[in-house]
Amino acid sequence: MKRVHCVAGSVLLLALASPALLHAADYAIGADVSFLRQAEQQGVVFKERGKGKPGLQILREHGYGWV
């Protein structure tokens, strides 16, 4: 776990030192969805623009690649 914090700190330092060097492709966008399956099994409906969709599909369509 300490190694992750060290890497995250290095990335933050790099971003502060030279923001022009970082691009959107340099980031991983993720979410903790440990509750998602249980919530959907219990009848929770996640919606986008009023239309029900599976939660993972909504996240995927918005660029979330790490869950």
PDB file of N, CA and C in Angstrom:
ATOM      1  N   MET A   1       0.813  -1.192   0.000  1.00  0.00           N
ATOM      2  CA  MET A   1       0.000   0.000   0.000  1.00  0.00           C
ATOM      3  C   MET A   1       0.863   1.264   0.000  1.00  0.00           C
ATOM      4  N   LYS A   2       1.969   1.230   0.692  1.00  0.00           N
ATOM      5  CA  LYS A   2       2.830   2.405   0.736  1.00  0.00           C
ATOM      6  C   LYS A   2       3.344   2.759  -0.652  1.00  0.00           C
ATOM      7  N   ARG A   3       3.617   1.734  -1.457  1.00  0.00           N
ATOM      8  CA  ARG A   3       4.121   1.974  -2.804  1.00  0.00           C
ATOM      9  C   ARG A   3       3.099   2.751  -3.636  1.00  0.00           C
ATOM     10  N   VAL A   4       1.826   2.438  -3.503  1.00  0.00           N
ATOM     11  CA  VAL A   4       0.786   3.150  -4.240  1.00  0.00           C
ATOM     12  C   VAL A   4       0.778   4.614  -3.861  1.00  0.00           C
ATOM     13  N   HIS A   5       0.881   4.898  -2.567  1.00  0.00           N
ATOM     14  CA  HIS A   5       0.894   6.288  -2.121  1.00  0.00           C
ATOM     15  C   HIS A   5       2.102   7.022  -2.673  1.00  0.00           C
ATOM     16  N   CYS A   6       3.237   6.344  -2.726  1.00  0.00           N
ATOM     17  CA  CYS A   6       4.457   6.941  -3.251  1.00  0.00           C
ATOM     18  C   CYS A   6       4.292   7.274  -4.728  1.00  0.00           C
ATOM     19  N   VAL A   7       3.715   6.362  -5.507  1.00  0.00           N
ATOM     20  CA  VAL A   7       3.499   6.592  -6.927  1.00  0.00           C
ATOM     21  C   VAL A   7       2.505   7.727  -7.119  1.00  0.00           C
ATOM     22  N   ALA A   8       1.428   7.719  -6.338  1.00  0.00           N
ATOM     23  CA  ALA A   8       0.431   8.783  -6.448  1.00  0.00           C
ATOM     24  C   ALA A   8       1.049  10.125  -6.123  1.00  0.00           C
ATOM     25  N   GLY A   9       1.890  10.171  -5.117  1.00  0.00           N
ATOM     26  CA  GLY A   9       2.575  11.413  -4.764  1.00  0.00           C
ATOM     27  C   GLY A   9       3.491  11.875  -5.876  1.00  0.00           C
ATOM     28  N   SER A  10       4.166  10.949  -6.536  1.00  0.00           N
ATOM     29  CA  SER A  10       5.055  11.284  -7.650  1.00  0.00           C
ATOM     30  C   SER A  10       4.266  11.856  -8.819  1.00  0.00           C
ATOM     31  N   VAL A  11       3.104  11.255  -9.111  1.00  0.00           N
ATOM     32  CA  VAL A  11       2.267  11.756 -10.193  1.00  0.00           C
ATOM     33  C   VAL A  11       1.766  13.153  -9.863  1.00  0.00           C
ATOM     34  N   LEU A  12       1.342  13.376  -8.625  1.00  0.00           N
ATOM     35  CA  LEU A  12       0.877  14.688  -8.217  1.00  0.00           C
ATOM     36  C   LEU A  12       1.997  15.712  -8.336  1.00  0.00           C
ATOM     37  N   LEU A  13       3.185  15.354  -7.892  1.00  0.00           N
ATOM     38  CA  LEU A  13       4.326  16.255  -7.990  1.00  0.00           C
ATOM     39  C   LEU A  13       4.617  16.596  -9.444  1.00  0.00           C
ATOM     40  N   LEU A  14       4.582  15.598 -10.321  1.00  0.00           N
ATOM     41  CA  LEU A  14       4.802  15.819 -11.746  1.00  0.00           C
ATOM     42  C   LEU A  14       3.735  16.748 -12.317  1.00  0.00           C
ATOM     43  N   ALA A  15       2.491  16.554 -11.910  1.00  0.00           N
ATOM     44  CA  ALA A  15       1.387  17.386 -12.407  1.00  0.00           C
ATOM     45  C   ALA A  15       1.560  18.833 -11.969  1.00  0.00           C
ATOM     46  N   LEU A  16       2.008  19.029 -10.747  1.00  0.00           N
ATOM     47  CA  LEU A  16       2.210  20.392 -10.255  1.00  0.00           C
ATOM     48  C   LEU A  16       3.411  21.048 -10.923  1.00  0.00           C
ATOM     49  N   ALA A  17       4.425  20.256 -11.205  1.00  0.00           N
ATOM     50  CA  ALA A  17       5.642  20.796 -11.790  1.00  0.00           C
ATOM     51  C   ALA A  17       5.450  21.154 -13.264  1.00  0.00           C
ATOM     52  N   SER A  18       4.697  20.352 -14.001  1.00  0.00           N
ATOM     53  CA  SER A  18       4.537  20.587 -15.430  1.00  0.00           C
ATOM     54  C   SER A  18       3.217  20.014 -15.928  1.00  0.00           C
ATOM     55  N   PRO A  19       2.103  20.728 -15.737  1.00  0.00           N
ATOM     56  CA  PRO A  19       0.790  20.224 -16.140  1.00  0.00           C
ATOM     57  C   PRO A  19       0.697  19.894 -17.629  1.00  0.00           C
ATOM     58  N   ALA A  20       1.496  20.534 -18.461  1.00  0.00           N
ATOM     59  CA  ALA A  20       1.427  20.291 -19.903  1.00  0.00           C
ATOM     60  C   ALA A  20       1.907  18.889 -20.266  1.00  0.00           C
ATOM     61  N   LEU A  21       2.656  18.215 -19.394  1.00  0.00           N
ATOM     62  CA  LEU A  21       3.173  16.885 -19.686  1.00  0.00           C
ATOM     63  C   LEU A  21       2.124  15.793 -19.526  1.00  0.00           C
ATOM     64  N   LEU A  22       1.063  16.053 -18.794  1.00  0.00           N
ATOM     65  CA  LEU A  22       0.041  15.036 -18.527  1.00  0.00           C
ATOM     66  C   LEU A  22      -1.153  15.218 -19.448  1.00  0.00           C
ATOM     67  N   HIS A  23      -1.717  14.106 -19.897  1.00  0.00           N
ATOM     68  CA  HIS A  23      -2.883  14.109 -20.776  1.00  0.00           C
ATOM     69  C   HIS A  23      -3.947  13.200 -20.176  1.00  0.00           C
ATOM     70  N   ALA A  24      -5.158  13.285 -20.666  1.00  0.00           N
ATOM     71  CA  ALA A  24      -6.244  12.453 -20.151  1.00  0.00           C
ATOM     72  C   ALA A  24      -5.908  10.966 -20.258  1.00  0.00           C
ATOM     73  N   ALA A  25      -5.167  10.566 -21.263  1.00  0.00           N
ATOM     74  CA  ALA A  25      -4.817   9.156 -21.437  1.00  0.00           C
ATOM     75  C   ALA A  25      -3.871   8.660 -20.345  1.00  0.00           C
ATOM     76  N   ASP A  26      -3.288   9.575 -19.577  1.00  0.00           N
ATOM     77  CA  ASP A  26      -2.360   9.207 -18.512  1.00  0.00           C
ATOM     78  C   ASP A  26      -3.078   8.795 -17.234  1.00  0.00           C
ATOM     79  N   TYR A  27      -4.392   8.898 -17.189  1.00  0.00           N
ATOM     80  CA  TYR A  27      -5.145   8.635 -15.977  1.00  0.00           C
ATOM     81  C   TYR A  27      -6.031   7.402 -16.123  1.00  0.00           C
ATOM     82  N   ALA A  28      -6.253   6.733 -15.026  1.00  0.00           N
ATOM     83  CA  ALA A  28      -7.225   5.642 -14.965  1.00  0.00           C
ATOM     84  C   ALA A  28      -8.407   6.157 -14.159  1.00  0.00           C
ATOM     85  N   ILE A  29      -9.589   6.085 -14.717  1.00  0.00           N
ATOM     86  CA  ILE A  29     -10.790   6.548 -14.030  1.00  0.00           C
ATOM     87  C   ILE A  29     -11.505   5.324 -13.485  1.00  0.00           C
ATOM     88  N   GLY A  30     -11.787   5.322 -12.190  1.00  0.00           N
ATOM     89  CA  GLY A  30     -12.397   4.149 -11.592  1.00  0.00           C
ATOM     90  C   GLY A  30     -13.402   4.489 -10.517  1.00  0.00           C
ATOM     91  N   ALA A  31     -14.070   3.458 -10.037  1.00  0.00           N
ATOM     92  CA  ALA A  31     -15.093   3.624  -9.011  1.00  0.00           C
ATOM     93  C   ALA A  31     -15.190   2.355  -8.174  1.00  0.00           C
ATOM     94  N   ASP A  32     -15.592   2.519  -6.925  1.00  0.00           N
ATOM     95  CA  ASP A  32     -15.861   1.379  -6.047  1.00  0.00           C
ATOM     96  C   ASP A  32     -17.321   0.995  -6.259  1.00  0.00           C
ATOM     97  N   VAL A  33     -17.545  -0.143  -6.874  1.00  0.00           N
ATOM     98  CA  VAL A  33     -18.909  -0.586  -7.170  1.00  0.00           C
ATOM     99  C   VAL A  33     -19.260  -1.855  -6.402  1.00  0.00           C
ATOM    100  N   SER A  34     -18.663  -2.031  -5.247  1.00  0.00           N
ATOM    101  CA  SER A  34     -18.889  -3.240  -4.459  1.00  0.00           C
ATOM    102  C   SER A  34     -20.358  -3.413  -4.064  1.00  0.00           C
ATOM    103  N   PHE A  35     -21.103  -2.356  -4.051  1.00  0.00           N
ATOM    104  CA  PHE A  35     -22.519  -2.398  -3.675  1.00  0.00           C
ATOM    105  C   PHE A  35     -23.439  -2.637  -4.874  1.00  0.00           C
ATOM    106  N   LEU A  36     -22.917  -2.480  -6.076  1.00  0.00           N
ATOM    107  CA  LEU A  36     -23.743  -2.392  -7.274  1.00  0.00           C
ATOM    108  C   LEU A  36     -24.620  -3.622  -7.520  1.00  0.00           C
ATOM    109  N   ARG A  37     -24.026  -4.796  -7.515  1.00  0.00           N
ATOM    110  CA  ARG A  37     -24.801  -6.014  -7.804  1.00  0.00           C
ATOM    111  C   ARG A  37     -25.928  -6.208  -6.796  1.00  0.00           C
ATOM    112  N   GLN A  38     -25.598  -6.045  -5.522  1.00  0.00           N
ATOM    113  CA  GLN A  38     -26.615  -6.227  -4.483  1.00  0.00           C
ATOM    114  C   GLN A  38     -27.737  -5.203  -4.642  1.00  0.00           C
ATOM    115  N   ALA A  39     -27.382  -3.968  -4.917  1.00  0.00           N
ATOM    116  CA  ALA A  39     -28.394  -2.921  -5.079  1.00  0.00           C
ATOM    117  C   ALA A  39     -29.318  -3.237  -6.249  1.00  0.00           C
ATOM    118  N   GLU A  40     -28.742  -3.649  -7.377  1.00  0.00           N
ATOM    119  CA  GLU A  40     -29.577  -3.970  -8.538  1.00  0.00           C
ATOM    120  C   GLU A  40     -30.449  -5.201  -8.283  1.00  0.00           C
ATOM    121  N   GLN A  41     -29.919  -6.184  -7.543  1.00  0.00           N
ATOM    122  CA  GLN A  41     -30.723  -7.360  -7.207  1.00  0.00           C
ATOM    123  C   GLN A  41     -31.890  -7.011  -6.294  1.00  0.00           C
ATOM    124  N   GLN A  42     -31.735  -5.946  -5.521  1.00  0.00           N
ATOM    125  CA  GLN A  42     -32.800  -5.512  -4.616  1.00  0.00           C
ATOM    126  C   GLN A  42     -33.763  -4.538  -5.286  1.00  0.00           C
ATOM    127  N   GLY A  43     -33.574  -4.316  -6.583  1.00  0.00           N
ATOM    128  CA  GLY A  43     -34.529  -3.491  -7.318  1.00  0.00           C
ATOM    129  C   GLY A  43     -34.116  -2.059  -7.579  1.00  0.00           C
ATOM    130  N   VAL A  44     -32.928  -1.662  -7.158  1.00  0.00           N
ATOM    131  CA  VAL A  44     -32.464  -0.301  -7.433  1.00  0.00           C
ATOM    132  C   VAL A  44     -32.221  -0.171  -8.937  1.00  0.00           C
ATOM    133  N   VAL A  45     -32.730   0.894  -9.524  1.00  0.00           N
ATOM    134  CA  VAL A  45     -32.551   1.142 -10.958  1.00  0.00           C
ATOM    135  C   VAL A  45     -31.720   2.416 -11.100  1.00  0.00           C
ATOM    136  N   PHE A  46     -30.586   2.284 -11.766  1.00  0.00           N
ATOM    137  CA  PHE A  46     -29.747   3.441 -12.042  1.00  0.00           C
ATOM    138  C   PHE A  46     -30.198   4.019 -13.374  1.00  0.00           C
ATOM    139  N   LYS A  47     -30.295   5.338 -13.430  1.00  0.00           N
ATOM    140  CA  LYS A  47     -30.842   5.983 -14.621  1.00  0.00           C
ATOM    141  C   LYS A  47     -29.889   7.037 -15.162  1.00  0.00           C
ATOM    142  N   GLU A  48     -29.979   7.189 -16.465  1.00  0.00           N
ATOM    143  CA  GLU A  48     -29.278   8.267 -17.142  1.00  0.00           C
ATOM    144  C   GLU A  48     -30.288   8.925 -18.062  1.00  0.00           C
ATOM    145  N   ARG A  49     -30.503  10.212 -17.839  1.00  0.00           N
ATOM    146  CA  ARG A  49     -31.499  10.970 -18.596  1.00  0.00           C
ATOM    147  C   ARG A  49     -32.873  10.319 -18.527  1.00  0.00           C
ATOM    148  N   GLY A  50     -33.191   9.784 -17.344  1.00  0.00           N
ATOM    149  CA  GLY A  50     -34.507   9.211 -17.109  1.00  0.00           C
ATOM    150  C   GLY A  50     -34.694   7.776 -17.587  1.00  0.00           C
ATOM    151  N   LYS A  51     -33.703   7.209 -18.251  1.00  0.00           N
ATOM    152  CA  LYS A  51     -33.815   5.849 -18.769  1.00  0.00           C
ATOM    153  C   LYS A  51     -32.974   4.902 -17.924  1.00  0.00           C
ATOM    154  N   GLY A  52     -33.585   3.811 -17.436  1.00  0.00           N
ATOM    155  CA  GLY A  52     -32.886   2.841 -16.619  1.00  0.00           C
ATOM    156  C   GLY A  52     -31.832   2.080 -17.404  1.00  0.00           C
ATOM    157  N   LYS A  53     -30.653   1.930 -16.819  1.00  0.00           N
ATOM    158  CA  LYS A  53     -29.553   1.186 -17.432  1.00  0.00           C
ATOM    159  C   LYS A  53     -28.794   0.461 -16.333  1.00  0.00           C
ATOM    160  N   PRO A  54     -28.114  -0.637 -16.674  1.00  0.00           N
ATOM    161  CA  PRO A  54     -27.239  -1.279 -15.691  1.00  0.00           C
ATOM    162  C   PRO A  54     -26.155  -0.287 -15.247  1.00  0.00           C
ATOM    163  N   GLY A  55     -25.841  -0.303 -13.968  1.00  0.00           N
ATOM    164  CA  GLY A  55     -24.861   0.623 -13.417  1.00  0.00           C
ATOM    165  C   GLY A  55     -23.502   0.558 -14.098  1.00  0.00           C
ATOM    166  N   LEU A  56     -23.022  -0.665 -14.365  1.00  0.00           N
ATOM    167  CA  LEU A  56     -21.719  -0.804 -15.024  1.00  0.00           C
ATOM    168  C   LEU A  56     -21.733  -0.218 -16.430  1.00  0.00           C
ATOM    169  N   GLN A  57     -22.837  -0.338 -17.117  1.00  0.00           N
ATOM    170  CA  GLN A  57     -22.937   0.222 -18.473  1.00  0.00           C
ATOM    171  C   GLN A  57     -22.830   1.738 -18.428  1.00  0.00           C
ATOM    172  N   ILE A  58     -23.491   2.354 -17.478  1.00  0.00           N
ATOM    173  CA  ILE A  58     -23.426   3.813 -17.340  1.00  0.00           C
ATOM    174  C   ILE A  58     -21.989   4.246 -17.078  1.00  0.00           C
ATOM    175  N   LEU A  59     -21.327   3.560 -16.161  1.00  0.00           N
ATOM    176  CA  LEU A  59     -19.944   3.913 -15.857  1.00  0.00           C
ATOM    177  C   LEU A  59     -19.049   3.734 -17.079  1.00  0.00           C
ATOM    178  N   ARG A  60     -19.187   2.609 -17.778  1.00  0.00           N
ATOM    179  CA  ARG A  60     -18.377   2.324 -18.963  1.00  0.00           C
ATOM    180  C   ARG A  60     -18.567   3.408 -20.015  1.00  0.00           C
ATOM    181  N   GLU A  61     -19.797   3.839 -20.233  1.00  0.00           N
ATOM    182  CA  GLU A  61     -20.093   4.852 -21.245  1.00  0.00           C
ATOM    183  C   GLU A  61     -19.527   6.221 -20.892  1.00  0.00           C
ATOM    184  N   HIS A  62     -19.161   6.399 -19.621  1.00  0.00           N
ATOM    185  CA  HIS A  62     -18.582   7.675 -19.178  1.00  0.00           C
ATOM    186  C   HIS A  62     -17.083   7.565 -18.921  1.00  0.00           C
ATOM    187  N   GLY A  63     -16.465   6.507 -19.436  1.00  0.00           N
ATOM    188  CA  GLY A  63     -15.016   6.399 -19.390  1.00  0.00           C
ATOM    189  C   GLY A  63     -14.426   5.691 -18.192  1.00  0.00           C
ATOM    190  N   TYR A  64     -15.259   5.127 -17.335  1.00  0.00           N
ATOM    191  CA  TYR A  64     -14.731   4.399 -16.174  1.00  0.00           C
ATOM    192  C   TYR A  64     -14.222   3.035 -16.626  1.00  0.00           C
ATOM    193  N   GLY A  65     -12.937   2.792 -16.420  1.00  0.00           N
ATOM    194  CA  GLY A  65     -12.350   1.544 -16.862  1.00  0.00           C
ATOM    195  C   GLY A  65     -11.852   0.658 -15.725  1.00  0.00           C
ATOM    196  N   TRP A  66     -11.853   1.179 -14.511  1.00  0.00           N
ATOM    197  CA  TRP A  66     -11.369   0.430 -13.350  1.00  0.00           C
ATOM    198  C   TRP A  66     -12.489   0.386 -12.322  1.00  0.00           C
ATOM    199  N   VAL A  67     -12.964  -0.808 -12.024  1.00  0.00           N
ATOM    200  CA  VAL A  67     -14.015  -0.931 -11.007  1.00  0.00           C
ATOM    201  C   VAL A  67     -13.621  -1.973  -9.998  1.00  0.00           C
TER     202      VAL A  67
END
